[in-house]
Each structure stands twice: as C-alpha cells, then as structure tokens.
Amino acid sequence: MLGRGGRWLQRAGGAASAPHGAQLRFDGAVLRLKSGWELARGLLVFRLCGLPGLVRQAPMLLSVSRWLLGRWLWGSLLRASFYGQFVAGQTPPEVGVTVQRLRAQGLRPLLAVPIEEDVGQDKEGGRWGLGCECRGSDCVSPQRAVEAGVRVLVDAEYTYVNPALTLVTLALMGRWNRAKPWVWNTYQCYLQDCLARLGADVALAERRGFCFGVKLVRGAYLEQERRLERQGGYPDPLHPTWEATNHSYQRCLDLLLELVARDGQRCQLIVASHNETSVSHAVRRMEELGIAKDRGAVCFGQLLGMCDHVSLALGQAGYAIYKSIPYGAVEDVLPYLVRRAQENQSVLQGIRKERDLLRHELWRRLLRRP
C-alpha cells in the first residue's frame, strides 16, 4: 500500500497560459480539441453509464459476453468503448500515444496501475493508486523515490485501514519531507472527522518541521462503508448528505489553500475533484490568495475519460492539471472499468451535463456550424 507513487511529468505543452484572473468557462467550448471519434465514444459510454440495470449487472454481463463473443471480438468491443474511454492502453507505444495527446491538449499525464482489491483478497497488491503498485518487497522505497525526484502519493482506503495507513505515512513524511513534500497523504472529505484529522496532522507537521503534501478527495467507497457500518454495528463514519460532504470539502480546501499561500514550498495540494463548484472555488481562492497557477504548489487531478470539459478548460487556462491514466490488458482492468461505470452512474447530474456537451459539439460538427 505504501508504494502509491507517481512521477510528475514535465509541464504539458500546447496550452497558452491565460491571465490568472481570466474567467474559466465550463461550457464545453474546449471540446473542440477532441476528435470526432472521441466525442462519439464518450457520448456512447456516458449513455450506457446512465442505465442503472446495466451498471448493476456489469460484472455478469462482461463475463457472459466474453463467453458468447469470444476473447478477440469481446476485447475489440471493449477497446472501442469503456476501455478506450478510461484506459490509456496496454503497451508502452499505446500509452505513449495517449500521453502525447494529453500534452497537446495542455494536460499532464500521471500513470496509474488500475487495481481494485480489498484487504484479504487472494491477489497481491493494494487498491489502484497513482503510478505504482505495491507487491511485498517491491514497494517503492522513499529514499529511491526522493533520489529519482518522484513524489509518493499514498491513497486512502476503508476506514478500518486508514488509521494505520496514515500513521505510517506521517512517519515517512517526518523522515523524508524535510526540504519539500516528497510523500503525500490522501484525505477523504466524506468522512465526518476529516477536517479534524487534517488539522491535527497539519499541526503535527508544523511541530515536527516537515513538509506537508495532500491529495484532497471526496471519497470513493460510500456504499462499501455503509455496508460495513451496518454489519459491524458501529456509528456511520460518513457525512449524512451530499451537501454536508461538499461543505466538508470546501472547508478542508480553504484550510489547505491558506497554508499554501503562506509557504508553497512546505505545503502543497492536489485538488482531486470532478466537481465544477469545487474547482471554481479553488481557482477563485488561488487568485485571491495570490497562488501562482503554474508553479506546482496547487494542482488539479482528474481521471482519464471523466470531466474532460473541466480538465481541458483548466489546461488551456494554464493551470497544472493531471489526468490519472491507467494502463494494462483488457482482462486486468475490468474491475477498474466497472468502478468507473458505477461512479459515473452515481453522479448523474455531472454526467448529464458532460453528455449534453459532447452531443452538442458532435452535432455542431455534423451540421458544420461555426
């Protein structure tokens, strides 16, 4: 689990840096940067994600369709749809094509190993993380990461894993984050105690004199956490409503942005969110606090194939925006693809907007409108 690292690639080319105060628009105009095939594929995938029955039965349907169609045809259909939307490719040349395309659009690639496993499962490794998979003695060495100029991002997990994971991560921070934040921790804002824990860890970093790196997320295991809470009979650790989670995210975001404004060398932040309101709030606060958009102290992170109208708008405006790009064979990434379908189905409002923007741009091209 500790080997969740990612190499921060060179700044993407192709994007002109707009003035810091330029108005960001998430109206889909930047989708003109996409090819016609990308638009059509995205529209198809998001429409399928909007079918609850299909998403619920996705594992069974994938298994049956593979048996009926055969491995080659089954794999080809997935590559033309879900795999092509959310995965960079299988081989280095295929991933390289995706990387170059992202850079040309003003986006920065961040390699990810798509592993969807829980503690106690037969397969080795942890849940998918940014850039590196942990396998026993092959876990990333913080010393080697620092020597290679690689930041190690430790993902958050279920609540029964997080206390130990955070303890070890803070210990690594204390050892290796003396001059700059090489080891980063992830904070899940759908947890009721997130702000309190974040504040306590910030205070610890200030007392012990180490740098602090944070990936701020809402959280991805809502259904699983609720199921564990019912089975274990302990209090629900999650905020009761989506609005409460959004409020938690904004409070944590404001705290971290103020710390970055105070010293962007010792505190750095990834705003890992597909939520337009959160992104707009972060951009506005960065301007108010005088935080440079392209120095790396604050950057944005989103998944490949999701929320591209926001990612591209940020990239074209000159903000540091990373797309997490998973790679691997079709069979190996099936659990990851199912998770993406489930996540898209659970945030229907955002998906409806992205779907509508894709359809509008596709029709604009078909009708040859300016």
Protein backbone atom coordinates (compact mmCIF):
# COMPACT_ATOMS: atom_id res chain seq x y z
CA MET A 1 0.00 0.00 0.00
CA LEU A 2 2.82 2.36 0.69
CA GLY A 3 4.07 2.22 -2.85
CA ARG A 4 1.43 4.51 -4.26
CA GLY A 5 3.69 6.85 -6.14
CA GLY A 6 3.60 8.85 -9.32
CA ARG A 7 6.23 10.59 -11.41
CA TRP A 8 5.25 14.16 -12.02
CA LEU A 9 5.95 14.60 -15.71
CA GLN A 10 7.22 17.71 -17.40
CA ARG A 11 4.77 20.54 -17.91
CA ALA A 12 2.39 19.82 -20.74
CA GLY A 13 2.95 21.66 -23.96
CA GLY A 14 0.39 23.17 -26.23
CA ALA A 15 -1.52 25.28 -23.72
CA ALA A 16 -1.19 29.02 -23.60
CA SER A 17 -1.18 30.44 -20.11
CA ALA A 18 -4.08 32.83 -19.61
CA PRO A 19 -4.03 35.64 -17.06
CA HIS A 20 -4.75 34.43 -13.55
CA GLY A 21 -7.97 36.36 -13.39
CA ALA A 22 -9.34 35.06 -16.68
CA GLN A 23 -12.86 33.68 -16.34
CA LEU A 24 -12.96 29.90 -16.53
CA ARG A 25 -15.89 28.58 -18.53
CA PHE A 26 -17.08 25.00 -18.31
CA ASP A 27 -19.46 25.37 -21.27
CA GLY A 28 -17.83 22.72 -23.45
CA ALA A 29 -16.12 25.07 -25.89
CA VAL A 30 -12.81 23.29 -25.22
CA LEU A 31 -14.31 20.03 -26.52
CA ARG A 32 -13.36 21.33 -29.97
CA LEU A 33 -9.92 19.94 -29.10
CA LYS A 34 -11.31 16.40 -29.23
CA SER A 35 -11.61 14.25 -32.32
CA GLY A 36 -14.99 13.22 -33.67
CA TRP A 37 -14.37 9.63 -32.59
CA GLU A 38 -13.56 10.72 -29.03
CA LEU A 39 -16.82 12.67 -28.89
CA ALA A 40 -18.90 9.78 -30.20
CA ARG A 41 -17.26 7.22 -27.91
CA GLY A 42 -17.68 9.43 -24.85
CA LEU A 43 -21.34 10.02 -25.67
CA LEU A 44 -21.95 6.28 -26.03
CA VAL A 45 -20.14 5.39 -22.80
CA PHE A 46 -21.91 8.02 -20.71
CA ARG A 47 -25.29 6.97 -22.08
CA LEU A 48 -24.56 3.38 -21.06
CA CYS A 49 -23.41 4.57 -17.63
CA GLY A 50 -26.83 6.17 -17.21
CA LEU A 51 -28.57 2.79 -17.37
CA PRO A 52 -28.80 1.56 -13.74
CA GLY A 53 -29.68 -2.02 -14.65
CA LEU A 54 -26.72 -2.37 -16.98
CA VAL A 55 -24.29 -0.91 -14.42
CA ARG A 56 -25.57 -3.16 -11.62
CA GLN A 57 -25.18 -6.26 -13.76
CA ALA A 58 -21.92 -5.18 -15.39
CA PRO A 59 -19.67 -7.96 -13.95
CA MET A 60 -22.12 -10.69 -15.05
CA LEU A 61 -22.70 -9.12 -18.47
CA LEU A 62 -18.98 -8.85 -19.12
CA SER A 63 -18.44 -12.49 -18.22
CA VAL A 64 -21.33 -13.75 -20.36
CA SER A 65 -20.46 -11.55 -23.34
CA ARG A 66 -16.88 -12.80 -23.31
CA TRP A 67 -18.13 -16.39 -23.45
CA LEU A 68 -20.61 -15.64 -26.24
CA LEU A 69 -18.44 -13.38 -28.41
CA GLY A 70 -15.04 -14.91 -27.91
CA ARG A 71 -11.99 -13.20 -26.49
CA TRP A 72 -10.95 -11.28 -29.63
CA LEU A 73 -14.32 -9.74 -30.53
CA TRP A 74 -15.15 -9.11 -26.86
CA GLY A 75 -11.84 -7.31 -26.32
CA SER A 76 -12.25 -5.29 -29.51
CA LEU A 77 -15.68 -4.04 -28.45
CA LEU A 78 -14.38 -3.03 -25.01
CA ARG A 79 -11.40 -1.25 -26.57
CA ALA A 80 -13.80 0.73 -28.73
CA SER A 81 -15.92 1.73 -25.73
CA PHE A 82 -15.20 1.60 -21.98
CA TYR A 83 -11.55 0.59 -22.21
CA GLY A 84 -10.79 3.26 -24.80
CA GLN A 85 -12.58 5.89 -22.70
CA PHE A 86 -10.93 5.22 -19.33
CA VAL A 87 -7.63 3.37 -20.04
CA ALA A 88 -4.52 4.68 -21.80
CA GLY A 89 -3.54 1.38 -23.40
CA GLN A 90 -1.69 -1.86 -22.76
CA THR A 91 1.75 -1.45 -24.35
CA PRO A 92 4.27 1.41 -23.95
CA PRO A 93 3.62 2.65 -27.52
CA GLU A 94 -0.14 2.74 -26.88
CA VAL A 95 0.32 4.62 -23.62
CA GLY A 96 2.77 6.95 -25.35
CA VAL A 97 0.12 7.94 -27.90
CA THR A 98 -2.28 8.84 -25.08
CA VAL A 99 0.43 10.81 -23.26
CA GLN A 100 1.27 12.86 -26.35
CA ARG A 101 -2.41 13.56 -26.99
CA LEU A 102 -2.92 14.79 -23.43
CA ARG A 103 0.16 17.00 -23.55
CA ALA A 104 -1.00 18.57 -26.80
CA GLN A 105 -4.26 19.48 -25.04
CA GLY A 106 -2.49 21.16 -22.11
CA LEU A 107 -2.90 18.22 -19.72
CA ARG A 108 -0.25 16.43 -17.67
CA PRO A 109 -0.25 12.62 -17.57
CA LEU A 110 0.12 10.65 -14.35
CA LEU A 111 0.49 6.88 -14.74
CA ALA A 112 -1.75 4.68 -12.62
CA VAL A 113 -1.95 0.95 -12.02
CA PRO A 114 -5.68 0.04 -12.02
CA ILE A 115 -6.04 -2.45 -9.15
CA GLU A 116 -9.39 -2.87 -7.39
CA GLU A 117 -8.79 -5.21 -4.46
CA ASP A 118 -9.56 -5.25 -0.76
CA VAL A 119 -7.62 -6.50 2.22
CA GLY A 120 -7.84 -10.29 2.46
CA GLN A 121 -8.37 -10.95 -1.24
CA ASP A 122 -6.26 -13.62 -2.90
CA LYS A 123 -4.41 -11.39 -5.34
CA GLU A 124 -1.42 -9.46 -4.18
CA GLY A 125 -1.23 -5.68 -4.20
CA GLY A 126 -3.46 -2.90 -2.98
CA ARG A 127 -6.28 -0.86 -4.44
CA TRP A 128 -5.35 1.11 -7.54
CA GLY A 129 -3.06 4.00 -6.82
CA LEU A 130 -1.20 6.72 -8.63
CA GLY A 131 1.72 5.40 -10.57
CA CYS A 132 2.95 2.35 -8.73
CA GLU A 133 1.75 -0.98 -7.41
CA CYS A 134 2.91 -2.35 -4.09
CA ARG A 135 3.92 -6.01 -4.06
CA GLY A 136 5.67 -7.02 -0.88
CA SER A 137 9.37 -6.26 -1.06
CA ASP A 138 8.87 -4.44 -4.38
CA CYS A 139 7.17 -1.45 -2.70
CA VAL A 140 8.56 1.96 -3.54
CA SER A 141 11.49 2.96 -1.34
CA PRO A 142 11.04 6.58 -0.22
CA GLN A 143 14.80 7.06 -0.42
CA ARG A 144 14.91 5.87 -4.02
CA ALA A 145 11.86 7.99 -4.83
CA VAL A 146 13.49 11.13 -3.44
CA GLU A 147 16.72 10.38 -5.30
CA ALA A 148 14.77 9.94 -8.55
CA GLY A 149 12.68 13.07 -7.98
CA VAL A 150 9.44 11.08 -7.66
CA ARG A 151 6.63 12.04 -5.31
CA VAL A 152 4.96 9.15 -3.50
CA LEU A 153 1.18 9.53 -3.14
CA VAL A 154 -0.36 7.24 -0.53
CA ASP A 155 -4.04 6.59 -1.24
CA ALA A 156 -6.74 6.50 1.39
CA GLU A 157 -8.71 3.30 1.82
CA TYR A 158 -11.53 1.98 4.01
CA THR A 159 -11.89 3.43 7.49
CA TYR A 160 -10.62 0.22 9.09
CA VAL A 161 -7.33 0.61 7.18
CA ASN A 162 -6.85 4.39 7.27
CA PRO A 163 -5.55 4.88 10.86
CA ALA A 164 -2.59 2.56 10.39
CA LEU A 165 -2.01 3.80 6.85
CA THR A 166 -1.98 7.44 7.96
CA LEU A 167 0.33 6.68 10.90
CA VAL A 168 2.91 5.08 8.61
CA THR A 169 2.52 7.86 6.02
CA LEU A 170 3.11 10.58 8.63
CA ALA A 171 6.20 8.72 9.81
CA LEU A 172 7.50 8.67 6.24
CA MET A 173 6.71 12.37 5.91
CA GLY A 174 8.70 13.09 9.06
CA ARG A 175 11.67 11.19 7.66
CA TRP A 176 11.71 12.30 4.02
CA ASN A 177 9.77 15.59 3.78
CA ARG A 178 12.45 17.78 5.29
CA ALA A 179 13.09 20.10 2.34
CA LYS A 180 9.95 19.55 0.23
CA PRO A 181 6.92 17.25 0.27
CA TRP A 182 8.01 14.00 -1.35
CA VAL A 183 5.49 11.80 0.49
CA TRP A 184 1.83 12.84 0.28
CA ASN A 185 -1.24 11.67 2.17
CA THR A 186 -4.85 11.48 0.95
CA TYR A 187 -7.79 12.89 2.92
CA GLN A 188 -11.38 11.78 2.25
CA CYS A 189 -13.83 14.61 2.89
CA TYR A 190 -16.91 12.39 3.07
CA LEU A 191 -15.65 11.25 6.49
CA GLN A 192 -17.10 13.24 9.37
CA ASP A 193 -13.74 13.58 11.14
CA CYS A 194 -11.77 14.59 8.04
CA LEU A 195 -11.33 18.28 8.92
CA ALA A 196 -10.31 17.49 12.50
CA ARG A 197 -7.77 14.88 11.40
CA LEU A 198 -6.41 17.16 8.71
CA GLY A 199 -5.97 19.99 11.22
CA ALA A 200 -4.24 17.65 13.69
CA ASP A 201 -1.84 16.38 11.02
CA VAL A 202 -1.07 19.93 9.86
CA ALA A 203 -0.26 20.88 13.47
CA LEU A 204 1.97 17.80 13.78
CA ALA A 205 3.86 18.76 10.61
CA GLU A 206 4.42 22.28 11.94
CA ARG A 207 5.65 20.99 15.33
CA ARG A 208 7.98 18.42 13.80
CA GLY A 209 9.15 20.70 10.99
CA PHE A 210 8.35 18.53 7.98
CA CYS A 211 6.69 19.49 4.71
CA PHE A 212 3.09 18.52 4.05
CA GLY A 213 1.64 17.20 0.79
CA VAL A 214 -2.09 16.48 0.44
CA LYS A 215 -4.33 14.91 -2.15
CA LEU A 216 -7.84 16.08 -1.27
CA VAL A 217 -10.72 13.84 -2.40
CA ARG A 218 -14.36 13.38 -1.50
CA GLY A 219 -14.14 9.59 -1.19
CA ALA A 220 -14.92 6.59 -3.34
CA TYR A 221 -16.22 3.85 -1.02
CA LEU A 222 -19.55 5.21 0.16
CA GLU A 223 -21.62 2.08 -0.44
CA GLN A 224 -18.95 -0.21 0.99
CA GLU A 225 -18.52 1.94 4.11
CA ARG A 226 -22.27 1.99 4.73
CA ARG A 227 -22.40 -1.79 4.36
CA LEU A 228 -19.52 -2.25 6.79
CA GLU A 229 -21.23 0.10 9.25
CA ARG A 230 -24.42 -1.95 9.14
CA GLN A 231 -22.57 -5.24 9.52
CA GLY A 232 -20.30 -4.03 12.31
CA GLY A 233 -22.90 -2.05 14.23
CA TYR A 234 -20.66 0.99 14.72
CA PRO A 235 -21.59 4.65 14.06
CA ASP A 236 -21.72 5.77 10.45
CA PRO A 237 -18.37 7.49 9.73
CA LEU A 238 -19.70 9.35 6.69
CA HIS A 239 -21.45 12.66 6.35
CA PRO A 240 -25.21 12.07 6.09
CA THR A 241 -25.77 14.07 2.88
CA TRP A 242 -24.01 15.07 -0.32
CA GLU A 243 -24.31 18.71 0.72
CA ALA A 244 -22.53 18.01 4.01
CA THR A 245 -19.71 16.30 2.12
CA ASN A 246 -19.41 19.30 -0.21
CA HIS A 247 -19.23 21.62 2.80
CA SER A 248 -16.51 19.45 4.34
CA TYR A 249 -14.53 19.50 1.10
CA GLN A 250 -14.68 23.28 0.86
CA ARG A 251 -13.59 23.80 4.48
CA CYS A 252 -10.62 21.46 4.06
CA LEU A 253 -9.78 23.10 0.74
CA ASP A 254 -9.82 26.59 2.27
CA LEU A 255 -7.56 25.50 5.12
CA LEU A 256 -5.00 23.98 2.76
CA LEU A 257 -5.04 26.88 0.29
CA GLU A 258 -4.28 29.30 3.12
CA LEU A 259 -1.34 27.12 4.17
CA VAL A 260 -0.07 27.01 0.59
CA ALA A 261 -0.36 30.81 0.33
CA ARG A 262 1.72 31.10 3.48
CA ASP A 263 4.51 28.80 2.20
CA GLY A 264 4.05 26.95 -1.08
CA GLN A 265 7.34 25.14 -0.71
CA ARG A 266 6.38 23.39 2.52
CA CYS A 267 2.68 22.74 1.88
CA GLN A 268 1.37 21.57 -1.49
CA LEU A 269 -2.00 20.34 -2.66
CA ILE A 270 -3.74 18.30 -5.33
CA VAL A 271 -7.39 19.31 -5.73
CA ALA A 272 -8.62 15.88 -6.81
CA SER A 273 -12.20 16.59 -7.80
CA HIS A 274 -14.55 16.35 -10.78
CA ASN A 275 -16.93 18.80 -9.14
CA GLU A 276 -17.20 22.09 -11.05
CA THR A 277 -18.16 24.08 -7.95
CA SER A 278 -15.10 22.86 -6.02
CA VAL A 279 -12.78 23.54 -8.94
CA SER A 280 -14.20 27.04 -9.44
CA HIS A 281 -13.89 27.76 -5.72
CA ALA A 282 -10.25 26.61 -5.71
CA VAL A 283 -9.42 28.79 -8.72
CA ARG A 284 -11.10 31.81 -7.16
CA ARG A 285 -9.32 31.35 -3.83
CA MET A 286 -5.98 30.86 -5.59
CA GLU A 287 -6.43 34.24 -7.25
CA GLU A 288 -7.49 35.92 -4.01
CA LEU A 289 -4.53 34.45 -2.10
CA GLY A 290 -2.01 35.15 -4.84
CA ILE A 291 -1.14 31.50 -5.51
CA ALA A 292 0.50 31.04 -8.92
CA LYS A 293 -1.42 28.74 -11.22
CA ASP A 294 1.61 27.01 -12.77
CA ARG A 295 4.23 26.72 -10.02
CA GLY A 296 3.09 23.30 -8.79
CA ALA A 297 2.11 24.23 -5.22
CA VAL A 298 -1.53 23.70 -6.16
CA CYS A 299 -2.60 21.45 -9.00
CA PHE A 300 -5.75 19.67 -10.06
CA GLY A 301 -6.28 15.95 -10.60
CA GLN A 302 -8.94 14.04 -12.51
CA LEU A 303 -9.37 10.63 -14.07
CA LEU A 304 -8.84 9.89 -17.75
CA GLY A 305 -12.12 9.96 -19.62
CA MET A 306 -14.08 11.82 -16.95
CA CYS A 307 -14.97 15.52 -16.72
CA ASP A 308 -12.89 16.46 -19.76
CA HIS A 309 -14.75 19.75 -20.26
CA VAL A 310 -13.33 20.85 -16.89
CA SER A 311 -9.86 19.33 -17.36
CA LEU A 312 -9.38 20.90 -20.78
CA ALA A 313 -10.62 24.30 -19.59
CA LEU A 314 -8.08 24.25 -16.74
CA GLY A 315 -5.26 23.12 -19.02
CA GLN A 316 -5.97 25.73 -21.67
CA ALA A 317 -6.09 28.42 -18.96
CA GLY A 318 -2.59 27.42 -17.82
CA TYR A 319 -3.39 25.59 -14.58
CA ALA A 320 -1.48 22.47 -13.60
CA ILE A 321 -3.99 19.69 -14.31
CA TYR A 322 -3.10 16.00 -14.18
CA LYS A 323 -5.08 13.18 -15.71
CA SER A 324 -4.62 9.83 -13.99
CA ILE A 325 -4.03 7.39 -16.85
CA PRO A 326 -4.44 3.69 -16.05
CA TYR A 327 -2.83 1.08 -18.29
CA GLY A 328 -2.95 -2.68 -18.69
CA ALA A 329 -4.57 -5.54 -20.59
CA VAL A 330 -8.34 -5.55 -21.03
CA GLU A 331 -8.81 -8.51 -18.67
CA ASP A 332 -6.67 -6.89 -15.97
CA VAL A 333 -8.58 -3.61 -15.89
CA LEU A 334 -12.13 -4.99 -15.82
CA PRO A 335 -12.70 -4.22 -12.11
CA TYR A 336 -11.44 -0.68 -12.73
CA LEU A 337 -13.84 -0.25 -15.66
CA VAL A 338 -16.77 -1.48 -13.57
CA ARG A 339 -15.86 1.03 -10.84
CA ARG A 340 -15.79 3.88 -13.37
CA ALA A 341 -19.22 2.88 -14.66
CA GLN A 342 -20.57 2.78 -11.11
CA GLU A 343 -19.05 6.18 -10.25
CA ASN A 344 -20.49 7.78 -13.38
CA GLN A 345 -23.90 6.31 -12.63
CA SER A 346 -23.81 7.69 -9.08
CA VAL A 347 -23.09 11.29 -10.14
CA LEU A 348 -25.81 11.60 -12.75
CA GLN A 349 -26.09 15.38 -12.72
CA GLY A 350 -22.47 15.90 -13.72
CA ILE A 351 -22.62 13.11 -16.28
CA ARG A 352 -25.77 14.52 -17.85
CA LYS A 353 -24.03 17.84 -18.39
CA GLU A 354 -20.92 16.26 -19.89
CA ARG A 355 -23.09 14.03 -22.08
CA ASP A 356 -25.09 17.05 -23.29
CA LEU A 357 -21.90 19.00 -24.05
CA LEU A 358 -20.49 16.07 -26.05
CA ARG A 359 -23.72 15.75 -28.02
CA HIS A 360 -23.84 19.50 -28.71
CA GLU A 361 -20.26 19.52 -30.03
CA LEU A 362 -20.84 16.43 -32.15
CA TRP A 363 -23.96 17.95 -33.73
CA ARG A 364 -22.09 21.23 -34.32
CA ARG A 365 -19.55 19.35 -36.42
CA LEU A 366 -22.08 17.22 -38.26
CA LEU A 367 -24.10 20.33 -39.21
CA ARG A 368 -20.87 22.24 -39.98
CA ARG A 369 -21.78 25.10 -37.68
CA PRO A 370 -19.08 27.64 -36.70
